[in-house]
Amino acid sequence: MATPYLHVDFQQPEELVFNRARLRRAFVKIGQVHMRDARRLVMKRGKSAAGDNPSYRTGKLARSIGYYVPRASKRRAGLMVRIAPNQKNGKGNRLINGAFYPAILFYGVRKGATRKKGHHRGASGERGWRIAPRNNFMEQTLQNNNAWTRYYLASELRNSLRTQRKYKKR
């Protein structure tokens, strides 16, 4: 799975003040929009075929998608968002208990695939797919929202940099 990544470095002039809270709110908004769109991709009822987005049966996969904006610490600035199924500490998600279902959908399962002595040599059974791999709906969501995310993040970064007020002593 390819992970889309955007990194911005800038030198902050002394006359500008950076509003970190405003930019963190932007990351929360981005997480909410991506979570909503990813859930919509897996809400199609019925059966899903190989290469399609997973379909909606019980709703566990859709409800497990969440986002997380970490707090700032010594090692990280806290200006990021993670959006994923079964997101630890995620907002708006319910964890999936048992086998990690999104991984099963992404990689698929072969018929007769049991872990035997020689499972690492490709001896997992060549009898076709029991569950054929499905589309990576999270990557599709990131690609669909790529332009909006860049535009929104750039505008919020621009708005979070303001000139410092200089007060005169009376």
Protein backbone atom coordinates (compact mmCIF):
# COMPACT_ATOMS: atom_id res chain seq x y z
CA MET A 1 0.00 0.00 0.00
CA ALA A 2 1.38 3.36 -0.97
CA THR A 3 1.12 6.00 1.71
CA PRO A 4 0.41 9.51 0.42
CA TYR A 5 2.59 11.97 2.28
CA LEU A 6 2.80 15.76 2.31
CA HIS A 7 5.58 17.57 4.18
CA VAL A 8 6.00 21.35 4.38
CA ASP A 9 9.06 23.12 5.83
CA PHE A 10 9.26 26.86 6.21
CA GLN A 11 11.37 29.43 8.02
CA GLN A 12 9.24 31.55 10.32
CA PRO A 13 10.16 35.24 10.14
CA GLU A 14 10.33 37.03 13.48
CA GLU A 15 7.54 39.45 12.57
CA LEU A 16 5.03 36.59 11.99
CA VAL A 17 3.14 34.64 14.65
CA PHE A 18 2.08 31.04 13.98
CA ASN A 19 -1.36 30.00 15.27
CA ARG A 20 -0.92 26.26 15.89
CA ALA A 21 -4.48 25.75 17.18
CA ARG A 22 -6.00 26.98 13.92
CA LEU A 23 -3.88 24.56 11.89
CA ARG A 24 -4.74 21.67 14.24
CA ARG A 25 -8.43 22.44 13.65
CA ALA A 26 -7.72 22.21 9.92
CA PHE A 27 -6.27 18.72 10.40
CA VAL A 28 -9.38 17.72 12.37
CA LYS A 29 -11.58 18.95 9.50
CA ILE A 30 -9.45 17.03 6.97
CA GLY A 31 -9.77 13.88 9.10
CA GLN A 32 -13.54 14.25 9.31
CA VAL A 33 -13.94 14.73 5.55
CA HIS A 34 -11.68 11.78 4.67
CA MET A 35 -13.42 9.58 7.25
CA ARG A 36 -16.84 10.49 5.81
CA ASP A 37 -15.76 9.81 2.22
CA ALA A 38 -14.05 6.50 3.09
CA ARG A 39 -17.18 5.34 4.88
CA ARG A 40 -19.28 6.26 1.85
CA LEU A 41 -17.09 4.09 -0.39
CA VAL A 42 -17.79 0.97 1.70
CA MET A 43 -21.51 1.61 2.23
CA LYS A 44 -22.66 -0.02 -1.02
CA ARG A 45 -25.10 -2.83 -0.27
CA GLY A 46 -24.92 -6.22 -1.94
CA LYS A 47 -22.00 -8.39 -2.94
CA SER A 48 -18.64 -6.98 -3.92
CA ALA A 49 -16.55 -8.50 -6.68
CA ALA A 50 -12.79 -8.77 -6.91
CA GLY A 51 -11.24 -5.32 -7.37
CA ASP A 52 -14.37 -3.47 -6.19
CA ASN A 53 -14.69 -1.62 -2.92
CA PRO A 54 -15.84 -3.85 -0.05
CA SER A 55 -19.61 -3.97 0.32
CA TYR A 56 -21.70 -3.18 3.38
CA ARG A 57 -23.09 -6.15 5.27
CA THR A 58 -22.83 -5.63 9.02
CA GLY A 59 -21.31 -2.13 8.94
CA LYS A 60 -18.35 -3.03 11.15
CA LEU A 61 -15.79 -1.96 8.55
CA ALA A 62 -17.49 1.38 7.90
CA ARG A 63 -17.86 2.15 11.61
CA SER A 64 -14.25 1.20 12.33
CA ILE A 65 -12.86 3.97 10.08
CA GLY A 66 -11.64 6.85 12.22
CA TYR A 67 -9.15 9.71 12.32
CA TYR A 68 -6.56 10.74 14.91
CA VAL A 69 -4.78 14.07 15.35
CA PRO A 70 -1.97 13.45 17.88
CA ARG A 71 -0.99 15.96 20.54
CA ALA A 72 2.31 17.80 20.25
CA SER A 73 5.28 16.39 22.13
CA LYS A 74 9.04 16.94 22.22
CA ARG A 75 9.54 14.75 19.16
CA ARG A 76 6.58 15.73 17.01
CA ALA A 77 4.79 18.94 16.24
CA GLY A 78 1.30 17.41 16.39
CA LEU A 79 0.42 18.74 12.96
CA MET A 80 -0.74 15.57 11.22
CA VAL A 81 -3.77 13.37 10.88
CA ARG A 82 -4.06 9.59 10.55
CA ILE A 83 -7.15 8.12 8.91
CA ALA A 84 -7.56 4.35 8.93
CA PRO A 85 -9.85 1.45 9.79
CA ASN A 86 -9.44 0.38 13.41
CA GLN A 87 -7.50 3.57 14.17
CA LYS A 88 -6.11 3.43 17.71
CA ASN A 89 -7.33 6.43 19.77
CA GLY A 90 -9.42 7.42 16.74
CA LYS A 91 -12.38 9.76 16.82
CA GLY A 92 -15.68 8.43 15.52
CA ASN A 93 -14.66 4.80 15.21
CA ARG A 94 -15.51 1.47 16.80
CA LEU A 95 -12.75 -1.12 16.96
CA ILE A 96 -13.03 -4.44 15.14
CA ASN A 97 -12.48 -7.38 17.47
CA GLY A 98 -10.87 -10.52 16.11
CA ALA A 99 -9.05 -10.82 12.79
CA PHE A 100 -8.19 -7.53 11.10
CA TYR A 101 -10.82 -7.62 8.38
CA PRO A 102 -9.47 -4.74 6.19
CA ALA A 103 -6.19 -6.63 5.71
CA ILE A 104 -8.08 -9.78 4.69
CA LEU A 105 -10.03 -7.76 2.14
CA PHE A 106 -6.92 -6.06 0.74
CA TYR A 107 -4.71 -9.14 0.41
CA GLY A 108 -7.43 -11.73 -0.12
CA VAL A 109 -7.52 -15.36 1.06
CA ARG A 110 -6.69 -18.44 -0.99
CA LYS A 111 -8.74 -21.62 -0.78
CA GLY A 112 -7.05 -24.17 1.40
CA ALA A 113 -4.59 -21.60 2.73
CA THR A 114 -3.35 -23.16 5.94
CA ARG A 115 -0.04 -22.57 7.62
CA LYS A 116 1.94 -25.74 7.18
CA LYS A 117 5.61 -26.54 7.46
CA GLY A 118 6.42 -25.01 4.07
CA HIS A 119 3.96 -22.11 4.04
CA HIS A 120 6.69 -19.55 3.42
CA ARG A 121 7.73 -21.24 0.17
CA GLY A 122 4.42 -20.56 -1.56
CA ALA A 123 2.85 -23.86 -0.50
CA SER A 124 -0.31 -22.18 0.78
CA GLY A 125 -2.57 -23.84 -1.76
CA GLU A 126 -2.96 -22.99 -5.43
CA ARG A 127 -6.69 -23.64 -5.60
CA GLY A 128 -7.89 -20.14 -6.40
CA TRP A 129 -9.33 -17.39 -4.26
CA ARG A 130 -11.74 -17.92 -1.40
CA ILE A 131 -11.91 -14.15 -0.91
CA ALA A 132 -10.42 -12.27 -3.87
CA PRO A 133 -8.56 -9.01 -3.09
CA ARG A 134 -10.75 -5.93 -2.98
CA ASN A 135 -9.93 -2.34 -3.86
CA ASN A 136 -7.97 -0.24 -1.37
CA PHE A 137 -10.76 2.19 -0.47
CA MET A 138 -8.55 4.29 1.83
CA GLU A 139 -6.08 4.99 -0.95
CA GLN A 140 -8.95 5.81 -3.31
CA THR A 141 -10.31 8.30 -0.75
CA LEU A 142 -6.92 9.98 -0.45
CA GLN A 143 -6.63 10.26 -4.24
CA ASN A 144 -10.17 11.62 -4.61
CA ASN A 145 -9.59 14.30 -1.95
CA ASN A 146 -5.97 15.10 -2.85
CA ALA A 147 -6.63 18.46 -4.54
CA TRP A 148 -9.08 19.65 -1.88
CA THR A 149 -6.72 18.61 0.94
CA ARG A 150 -3.77 20.49 -0.56
CA TYR A 151 -5.88 23.61 -1.20
CA TYR A 152 -7.49 23.60 2.27
CA LEU A 153 -4.22 22.94 4.09
CA ALA A 154 -2.39 25.65 2.14
CA SER A 155 -5.13 28.21 2.83
CA GLU A 156 -5.25 27.36 6.55
CA LEU A 157 -1.45 27.54 6.78
CA ARG A 158 -1.60 30.96 5.13
CA ASN A 159 -4.34 32.09 7.53
CA SER A 160 -2.53 30.75 10.60
CA LEU A 161 0.48 33.01 9.92
CA ARG A 162 -0.29 36.55 11.07
CA THR A 163 1.83 39.62 11.62
CA GLN A 164 2.79 40.28 15.21
CA ARG A 165 1.18 43.28 16.83
CA LYS A 166 3.60 45.77 18.23
CA TYR A 167 2.26 47.64 21.21
CA LYS A 168 3.46 51.12 22.03
CA LYS A 169 4.28 51.98 25.60
CA ARG A 170 2.35 54.96 26.92
